[in-house]
Amino acid sequence: MFSNDSEYLHTLRWVALLAGKINCDIAASTGIHNHETVIKQLLAGADVVHMVSAFYKHHFDILPQIINGIDSWMTKHNFSNISDFKDY
């Protein structure tokens, strides 16, 4: 059973609640299907995201779109690398 793009909110909430309070990396999963959701999870405190359902549904053809979307957002917000999300 694949996730859909509306299922990320529960995970986003828990990532935000746990970020900075536990001494381990946080991996976000479920409902991450586009660059906007990747960005939200990283800003909330996730160290990594899992996008398995998105890749099953759309294959790796969506990867350039996701990378370009993240890159555009980072340029617009003067981020030079992913670690800048932790300082935001």
N, C-alpha and C. Protein backbone atom coordinates (compact mmCIF):
# COMPACT_ATOMS: atom_id res chain seq x y z
N MET A 1 0.84 -1.17 0.00
CA MET A 1 0.00 0.00 0.00
C MET A 1 0.89 1.25 0.00
N PHE A 2 0.70 2.12 -0.95
CA PHE A 2 1.51 3.32 -1.08
C PHE A 2 0.88 4.48 -0.31
N SER A 3 1.73 5.39 0.14
CA SER A 3 1.21 6.59 0.80
C SER A 3 0.74 7.58 -0.27
N ASN A 4 -0.02 8.57 0.18
CA ASN A 4 -0.39 9.65 -0.74
C ASN A 4 0.10 10.97 -0.15
N ASP A 5 0.09 11.99 -0.94
CA ASP A 5 0.72 13.25 -0.53
C ASP A 5 0.00 14.01 0.58
N SER A 6 -1.15 13.55 0.99
CA SER A 6 -1.85 14.21 2.10
C SER A 6 -1.51 13.60 3.45
N GLU A 7 -0.67 12.58 3.48
CA GLU A 7 -0.39 11.88 4.73
C GLU A 7 0.84 12.40 5.48
N TYR A 8 1.47 13.42 5.02
CA TYR A 8 2.72 13.88 5.64
C TYR A 8 2.51 14.66 6.93
N LEU A 9 1.33 15.18 7.18
CA LEU A 9 1.12 16.08 8.32
C LEU A 9 1.40 15.42 9.67
N HIS A 10 1.00 14.19 9.84
CA HIS A 10 1.24 13.49 11.10
C HIS A 10 2.74 13.35 11.36
N THR A 11 3.47 12.95 10.34
CA THR A 11 4.92 12.82 10.47
C THR A 11 5.57 14.17 10.71
N LEU A 12 5.13 15.18 10.00
CA LEU A 12 5.67 16.53 10.16
C LEU A 12 5.52 17.00 11.61
N ARG A 13 4.38 16.73 12.19
CA ARG A 13 4.12 17.12 13.58
C ARG A 13 5.13 16.46 14.52
N TRP A 14 5.33 15.16 14.35
CA TRP A 14 6.24 14.44 15.24
C TRP A 14 7.69 14.82 15.01
N VAL A 15 8.06 15.10 13.79
CA VAL A 15 9.42 15.57 13.52
C VAL A 15 9.65 16.88 14.28
N ALA A 16 8.70 17.79 14.17
CA ALA A 16 8.83 19.09 14.83
C ALA A 16 8.85 18.95 16.35
N LEU A 17 8.05 18.07 16.89
CA LEU A 17 8.01 17.87 18.34
C LEU A 17 9.31 17.26 18.88
N LEU A 18 9.92 16.37 18.12
CA LEU A 18 11.11 15.66 18.59
C LEU A 18 12.43 16.36 18.27
N ALA A 19 12.44 17.19 17.25
CA ALA A 19 13.68 17.85 16.82
C ALA A 19 14.28 18.66 17.96
N GLY A 20 15.56 18.43 18.20
CA GLY A 20 16.26 19.15 19.25
C GLY A 20 16.04 18.61 20.64
N LYS A 21 15.16 17.63 20.78
CA LYS A 21 14.85 17.07 22.10
C LYS A 21 15.41 15.67 22.29
N ILE A 22 15.81 15.04 21.19
CA ILE A 22 16.38 13.70 21.28
C ILE A 22 17.77 13.71 20.65
N ASN A 23 18.61 12.83 21.12
CA ASN A 23 19.99 12.81 20.65
C ASN A 23 20.18 11.73 19.58
N CYS A 24 19.50 11.91 18.47
CA CYS A 24 19.67 11.01 17.33
C CYS A 24 19.12 11.69 16.08
N ASP A 25 19.45 11.12 14.94
CA ASP A 25 18.94 11.64 13.68
C ASP A 25 17.46 11.31 13.55
N ILE A 26 16.75 12.15 12.83
CA ILE A 26 15.31 11.95 12.59
C ILE A 26 15.09 11.73 11.11
N ALA A 27 14.40 10.64 10.78
CA ALA A 27 14.05 10.32 9.40
C ALA A 27 12.54 10.49 9.24
N ALA A 28 12.14 11.32 8.30
CA ALA A 28 10.72 11.54 8.03
C ALA A 28 10.28 10.63 6.89
N SER A 29 9.10 10.08 7.02
CA SER A 29 8.55 9.23 5.96
C SER A 29 7.03 9.38 5.95
N THR A 30 6.42 8.84 4.96
CA THR A 30 4.97 8.82 4.75
C THR A 30 4.46 10.13 4.16
N GLY A 31 4.02 10.06 2.94
CA GLY A 31 3.38 11.20 2.29
C GLY A 31 4.31 12.22 1.67
N ILE A 32 5.59 11.91 1.58
CA ILE A 32 6.55 12.86 1.01
C ILE A 32 6.66 12.56 -0.48
N HIS A 33 6.01 13.40 -1.29
CA HIS A 33 5.90 13.14 -2.72
C HIS A 33 6.41 14.28 -3.60
N ASN A 34 6.86 15.39 -2.99
CA ASN A 34 7.31 16.53 -3.79
C ASN A 34 8.34 17.35 -3.01
N HIS A 35 8.93 18.32 -3.70
CA HIS A 35 9.98 19.11 -3.05
C HIS A 35 9.44 19.98 -1.92
N GLU A 36 8.21 20.42 -2.02
CA GLU A 36 7.65 21.25 -0.95
C GLU A 36 7.59 20.48 0.37
N THR A 37 7.20 19.23 0.31
CA THR A 37 7.11 18.42 1.52
C THR A 37 8.49 18.06 2.05
N VAL A 38 9.44 17.83 1.16
CA VAL A 38 10.82 17.59 1.60
C VAL A 38 11.30 18.81 2.39
N ILE A 39 11.09 19.99 1.86
CA ILE A 39 11.52 21.24 2.51
C ILE A 39 10.85 21.39 3.87
N LYS A 40 9.56 21.15 3.94
CA LYS A 40 8.85 21.27 5.22
C LYS A 40 9.44 20.33 6.27
N GLN A 41 9.72 19.09 5.86
CA GLN A 41 10.26 18.12 6.82
C GLN A 41 11.66 18.53 7.28
N LEU A 42 12.49 19.00 6.36
CA LEU A 42 13.84 19.44 6.74
C LEU A 42 13.79 20.66 7.66
N LEU A 43 12.91 21.60 7.37
CA LEU A 43 12.78 22.78 8.23
C LEU A 43 12.24 22.42 9.61
N ALA A 44 11.41 21.38 9.67
CA ALA A 44 10.86 20.94 10.96
C ALA A 44 11.91 20.23 11.80
N GLY A 45 13.00 19.75 11.15
CA GLY A 45 14.06 19.11 11.92
C GLY A 45 14.48 17.74 11.44
N ALA A 46 13.89 17.25 10.36
CA ALA A 46 14.30 15.94 9.84
C ALA A 46 15.72 16.02 9.28
N ASP A 47 16.46 14.95 9.50
CA ASP A 47 17.81 14.85 8.93
C ASP A 47 17.76 14.22 7.55
N VAL A 48 16.82 13.34 7.34
CA VAL A 48 16.62 12.67 6.04
C VAL A 48 15.14 12.49 5.80
N VAL A 49 14.77 12.29 4.54
CA VAL A 49 13.38 11.97 4.19
C VAL A 49 13.37 10.69 3.35
N HIS A 50 12.29 9.95 3.48
CA HIS A 50 12.09 8.74 2.69
C HIS A 50 10.95 9.01 1.72
N MET A 51 11.17 8.72 0.44
CA MET A 51 10.19 9.00 -0.59
C MET A 51 9.86 7.75 -1.41
N VAL A 52 9.78 6.64 -0.77
CA VAL A 52 9.64 5.36 -1.47
C VAL A 52 8.39 5.31 -2.34
N SER A 53 7.25 5.68 -1.80
CA SER A 53 6.00 5.61 -2.58
C SER A 53 6.06 6.51 -3.80
N ALA A 54 6.65 7.68 -3.65
CA ALA A 54 6.77 8.60 -4.79
C ALA A 54 7.58 7.97 -5.91
N PHE A 55 8.65 7.29 -5.55
CA PHE A 55 9.48 6.66 -6.57
C PHE A 55 8.82 5.43 -7.18
N TYR A 56 8.07 4.69 -6.38
CA TYR A 56 7.32 3.57 -6.94
C TYR A 56 6.27 4.06 -7.93
N LYS A 57 5.58 5.14 -7.58
CA LYS A 57 4.51 5.66 -8.42
C LYS A 57 5.03 6.34 -9.69
N HIS A 58 6.13 7.10 -9.56
CA HIS A 58 6.60 7.93 -10.67
C HIS A 58 7.99 7.56 -11.16
N HIS A 59 8.55 6.53 -10.58
CA HIS A 59 9.92 6.09 -10.89
C HIS A 59 10.90 7.22 -10.57
N PHE A 60 12.10 7.07 -10.95
CA PHE A 60 13.10 8.09 -10.62
C PHE A 60 13.04 9.29 -11.55
N ASP A 61 12.09 9.28 -12.47
CA ASP A 61 11.90 10.42 -13.38
C ASP A 61 11.57 11.71 -12.63
N ILE A 62 11.01 11.59 -11.42
CA ILE A 62 10.65 12.79 -10.65
C ILE A 62 11.82 13.37 -9.87
N LEU A 63 12.91 12.64 -9.79
CA LEU A 63 14.05 13.11 -8.99
C LEU A 63 14.60 14.45 -9.45
N PRO A 64 14.82 14.68 -10.75
CA PRO A 64 15.29 16.02 -11.17
C PRO A 64 14.33 17.14 -10.78
N GLN A 65 13.03 16.89 -10.86
CA GLN A 65 12.04 17.89 -10.48
C GLN A 65 12.15 18.20 -8.99
N ILE A 66 12.33 17.19 -8.17
CA ILE A 66 12.46 17.39 -6.73
C ILE A 66 13.74 18.16 -6.41
N ILE A 67 14.83 17.75 -7.01
CA ILE A 67 16.12 18.42 -6.77
C ILE A 67 16.07 19.87 -7.24
N ASN A 68 15.51 20.11 -8.41
CA ASN A 68 15.40 21.49 -8.92
C ASN A 68 14.51 22.35 -8.03
N GLY A 69 13.43 21.77 -7.53
CA GLY A 69 12.54 22.51 -6.63
C GLY A 69 13.23 22.90 -5.34
N ILE A 70 13.98 21.96 -4.77
CA ILE A 70 14.73 22.25 -3.54
C ILE A 70 15.81 23.30 -3.82
N ASP A 71 16.51 23.14 -4.91
CA ASP A 71 17.56 24.08 -5.29
C ASP A 71 17.01 25.49 -5.48
N SER A 72 15.87 25.61 -6.15
CA SER A 72 15.25 26.92 -6.37
C SER A 72 14.85 27.56 -5.05
N TRP A 73 14.27 26.77 -4.16
CA TRP A 73 13.85 27.27 -2.85
C TRP A 73 15.07 27.73 -2.06
N MET A 74 16.14 26.93 -2.10
CA MET A 74 17.36 27.28 -1.37
C MET A 74 17.96 28.57 -1.91
N THR A 75 17.98 28.75 -3.21
CA THR A 75 18.51 29.97 -3.82
C THR A 75 17.67 31.18 -3.38
N LYS A 76 16.35 31.04 -3.43
CA LYS A 76 15.45 32.12 -3.05
C LYS A 76 15.64 32.55 -1.60
N HIS A 77 15.97 31.57 -0.72
CA HIS A 77 16.10 31.84 0.71
C HIS A 77 17.56 31.92 1.17
N ASN A 78 18.48 32.04 0.21
CA ASN A 78 19.91 32.20 0.50
C ASN A 78 20.50 31.06 1.32
N PHE A 79 20.06 29.85 1.03
CA PHE A 79 20.65 28.67 1.65
C PHE A 79 21.73 28.16 0.70
N SER A 80 22.89 27.81 1.24
CA SER A 80 23.95 27.31 0.38
C SER A 80 24.09 25.80 0.43
N ASN A 81 23.58 25.17 1.50
CA ASN A 81 23.60 23.71 1.58
C ASN A 81 22.49 23.21 2.51
N ILE A 82 22.29 21.93 2.53
CA ILE A 82 21.19 21.34 3.31
C ILE A 82 21.34 21.61 4.80
N SER A 83 22.57 21.70 5.29
CA SER A 83 22.75 21.95 6.73
C SER A 83 22.19 23.32 7.15
N ASP A 84 22.01 24.23 6.21
CA ASP A 84 21.40 25.52 6.52
C ASP A 84 19.97 25.37 7.03
N PHE A 85 19.30 24.29 6.69
CA PHE A 85 17.94 24.06 7.17
C PHE A 85 17.91 23.93 8.69
N LYS A 86 18.97 23.40 9.27
CA LYS A 86 19.05 23.23 10.73
C LYS A 86 19.18 24.56 11.45
N ASP A 87 19.74 25.55 10.77
CA ASP A 87 19.98 26.85 11.40
C ASP A 87 18.84 27.83 11.18
N TYR A 88 17.84 27.43 10.38
CA TYR A 88 16.77 28.34 10.00
C TYR A 88 15.81 28.59 11.13
